[in-house]
Amino acid sequence: MPRPLGLPFDPIARAGELWGEHFGPADAMRAATSIMRAHQLLLSRLDGILKPHRLTFARYEALVLLRFSRRGELPLSIIGERLMVHPTSVTNIVDRLATQGLVERRPNPRDGRGVLAALTPAGRALVERATADLMADGFGLKAYDDAQLRDLFDLLRTLRVEAGDF
């Protein structure tokens, strides 16, 4: 099926013109709205790449985090902290990965009440295949060259620093 061509104009640019007429300077509104739309587009694209692996981007991120850990396992609290998500979301993500046989839930020997998520061999193999697919697509950002990607990272990092992300 051919891809729809979309609107014959940039709706965010048009909104910026109207914003300027009614409220004043539009640069911040246009940038914020563009970031939000880019987020929608990227999440849709990345989830589409991960769908054949039966993963969402959120579950993929958890697998990668476990893959990067020294022992292939982490407490759920650390997963939530590193992925910057609510504890309920971490539980949901880990439960779904466990149902798929990609992680195992284990008692945390260092914390009697805590739970570890441990990457299984199937999870390790799947994260490798999914990562190869995402990298082949440039994580949905092939329209940018390496210098632009670094600039984009730096620009968005400033926003994250100001928000207290780290």
Protein backbone atom coordinates (compact mmCIF):
# COMPACT_ATOMS: atom_id res chain seq x y z
CA MET A 1 0.00 0.00 0.00
CA PRO A 2 1.49 3.39 -0.94
CA ARG A 3 2.38 5.73 1.89
CA PRO A 4 0.00 8.69 2.20
CA LEU A 5 1.57 11.95 1.13
CA GLY A 6 0.27 13.85 4.13
CA LEU A 7 -0.86 17.44 4.27
CA PRO A 8 0.18 19.90 1.56
CA PHE A 9 1.56 22.20 4.29
CA ASP A 10 3.34 21.94 7.64
CA PRO A 11 0.58 22.19 10.26
CA ILE A 12 3.04 23.13 13.01
CA ALA A 13 4.45 25.99 10.93
CA ARG A 14 0.90 27.15 10.19
CA ALA A 15 0.00 26.94 13.87
CA GLY A 16 3.09 29.03 14.57
CA GLU A 17 1.85 31.73 12.20
CA LEU A 18 -1.54 31.79 13.90
CA TRP A 19 0.10 31.65 17.32
CA GLY A 20 2.14 34.72 16.42
CA GLU A 21 -0.99 36.60 15.36
CA HIS A 22 -2.90 35.72 18.53
CA PHE A 23 -0.40 35.18 21.35
CA GLY A 24 3.04 36.41 20.38
CA PRO A 25 6.37 34.66 19.70
CA ALA A 26 5.87 31.08 18.53
CA ASP A 27 9.36 29.57 18.54
CA ALA A 28 8.98 27.68 21.83
CA MET A 29 5.50 26.40 20.92
CA ARG A 30 6.68 25.21 17.48
CA ALA A 31 9.72 23.49 18.95
CA ALA A 32 7.74 21.78 21.73
CA THR A 33 5.02 20.68 19.32
CA SER A 34 7.64 19.38 16.88
CA ILE A 35 9.32 17.39 19.65
CA MET A 36 5.98 15.88 20.64
CA ARG A 37 5.18 14.94 17.04
CA ALA A 38 8.68 13.51 16.53
CA HIS A 39 8.16 11.41 19.65
CA GLN A 40 4.93 10.01 18.19
CA LEU A 41 6.59 9.25 14.85
CA LEU A 42 9.67 7.62 16.38
CA LEU A 43 7.72 5.53 18.87
CA SER A 44 5.44 4.29 16.11
CA ARG A 45 8.38 3.45 13.84
CA LEU A 46 10.43 1.75 16.55
CA ASP A 47 7.45 -0.21 17.84
CA GLY A 48 6.81 -1.31 14.24
CA ILE A 49 10.38 -2.60 13.95
CA LEU A 50 10.09 -4.38 17.30
CA LYS A 51 6.62 -5.85 16.71
CA PRO A 52 7.91 -8.95 14.85
CA HIS A 53 10.03 -9.61 17.95
CA ARG A 54 6.89 -9.29 20.11
CA LEU A 55 8.43 -6.30 21.90
CA THR A 56 7.46 -2.72 22.56
CA PHE A 57 10.17 -0.08 22.86
CA ALA A 58 9.65 0.01 26.64
CA ARG A 59 10.25 -3.75 26.93
CA TYR A 60 13.21 -3.51 24.55
CA GLU A 61 14.79 -0.80 26.75
CA ALA A 62 14.44 -3.05 29.80
CA LEU A 63 16.13 -5.94 27.95
CA VAL A 64 18.98 -3.67 26.86
CA LEU A 65 19.43 -2.41 30.40
CA LEU A 66 19.67 -5.99 31.66
CA ARG A 67 22.04 -6.86 28.80
CA PHE A 68 24.34 -4.00 29.86
CA SER A 69 24.34 -5.01 33.54
CA ARG A 70 27.34 -7.00 34.81
CA ARG A 71 25.36 -10.07 35.82
CA GLY A 72 22.42 -9.76 33.45
CA GLU A 73 20.10 -9.00 36.36
CA LEU A 74 18.94 -5.94 38.24
CA PRO A 75 16.49 -5.07 41.01
CA LEU A 76 13.17 -3.79 39.67
CA SER A 77 13.75 -0.53 41.58
CA ILE A 78 17.00 0.09 39.65
CA ILE A 79 15.29 -0.71 36.34
CA GLY A 80 12.62 1.89 37.12
CA GLU A 81 15.21 4.46 38.15
CA ARG A 82 17.34 3.95 35.04
CA LEU A 83 14.39 3.89 32.63
CA MET A 84 12.78 6.77 34.53
CA VAL A 85 9.40 5.04 34.82
CA HIS A 86 6.94 4.43 37.65
CA PRO A 87 7.35 1.22 39.70
CA THR A 88 3.99 -0.04 38.42
CA SER A 89 5.24 0.31 34.85
CA VAL A 90 8.41 -1.64 35.68
CA THR A 91 6.35 -4.45 37.19
CA ASN A 92 4.17 -4.56 34.08
CA ILE A 93 7.19 -4.57 31.74
CA VAL A 94 8.99 -7.30 33.68
CA ASP A 95 5.83 -9.40 33.99
CA ARG A 96 5.32 -9.31 30.23
CA LEU A 97 8.96 -10.17 29.55
CA ALA A 98 8.75 -13.04 32.05
CA THR A 99 5.60 -14.36 30.37
CA GLN A 100 7.56 -14.39 27.10
CA GLY A 101 10.42 -16.27 28.75
CA LEU A 102 12.84 -13.38 28.18
CA VAL A 103 13.48 -12.62 31.85
CA GLU A 104 13.06 -14.47 35.12
CA ARG A 105 11.87 -12.91 38.36
CA ARG A 106 14.10 -13.90 41.29
CA PRO A 107 14.20 -12.94 44.95
CA ASN A 108 16.89 -10.35 45.63
CA PRO A 109 19.37 -11.96 48.06
CA ARG A 110 20.49 -8.48 49.20
CA ASP A 111 16.94 -7.32 49.94
CA GLY A 112 14.48 -9.83 51.38
CA ARG A 113 11.49 -7.94 49.96
CA GLY A 114 13.05 -7.01 46.63
CA VAL A 115 12.84 -8.73 43.27
CA LEU A 116 15.47 -9.12 40.57
CA ALA A 117 14.76 -9.35 36.87
CA ALA A 118 17.29 -11.67 35.23
CA LEU A 119 17.87 -11.94 31.49
CA THR A 120 17.37 -15.46 30.12
CA PRO A 121 19.37 -16.87 27.21
CA ALA A 122 16.28 -16.36 25.03
CA GLY A 123 16.12 -12.74 26.17
CA ARG A 124 19.80 -12.19 25.42
CA ALA A 125 19.40 -13.64 21.91
CA LEU A 126 16.27 -11.62 21.21
CA VAL A 127 17.80 -8.31 22.32
CA GLU A 128 20.70 -8.94 19.94
CA ARG A 129 18.35 -9.57 16.98
CA ALA A 130 16.08 -6.63 17.82
CA THR A 131 19.06 -4.30 18.21
CA ALA A 132 20.39 -5.33 14.80
CA ASP A 133 17.02 -4.44 13.24
CA LEU A 134 16.86 -1.07 15.00
CA MET A 135 20.43 -0.23 14.02
CA ALA A 136 19.77 -1.19 10.40
CA ASP A 137 17.00 1.41 10.44
CA GLY A 138 19.15 4.02 12.18
CA PHE A 139 16.67 4.00 15.08
CA GLY A 140 14.26 5.82 12.77
CA LEU A 141 16.67 8.73 12.33
CA LYS A 142 18.32 7.99 8.98
CA ALA A 143 17.34 11.46 7.74
CA TYR A 144 20.14 12.89 9.89
CA ASP A 145 23.90 12.54 9.46
CA ASP A 146 26.21 11.77 12.41
CA ALA A 147 26.98 15.43 13.15
CA GLN A 148 23.26 16.30 13.16
CA LEU A 149 22.54 13.39 15.48
CA ARG A 150 25.20 14.63 17.90
CA ASP A 151 23.76 18.17 17.71
CA LEU A 152 20.25 16.86 18.30
CA PHE A 153 21.43 14.85 21.29
CA ASP A 154 23.18 17.91 22.73
CA LEU A 155 20.12 20.12 22.24
CA LEU A 156 17.78 17.65 23.89
CA ARG A 157 20.29 16.90 26.65
CA THR A 158 20.10 20.55 27.73
CA LEU A 159 16.34 20.13 28.22
CA ARG A 160 16.87 16.92 30.19
CA VAL A 161 19.51 18.55 32.43
CA GLU A 162 17.23 21.50 33.14
CA ALA A 163 14.42 19.09 34.06
CA GLY A 164 16.71 17.34 36.57
CA ASP A 165 16.86 14.02 34.70
CA PHE A 166 20.36 13.51 36.09
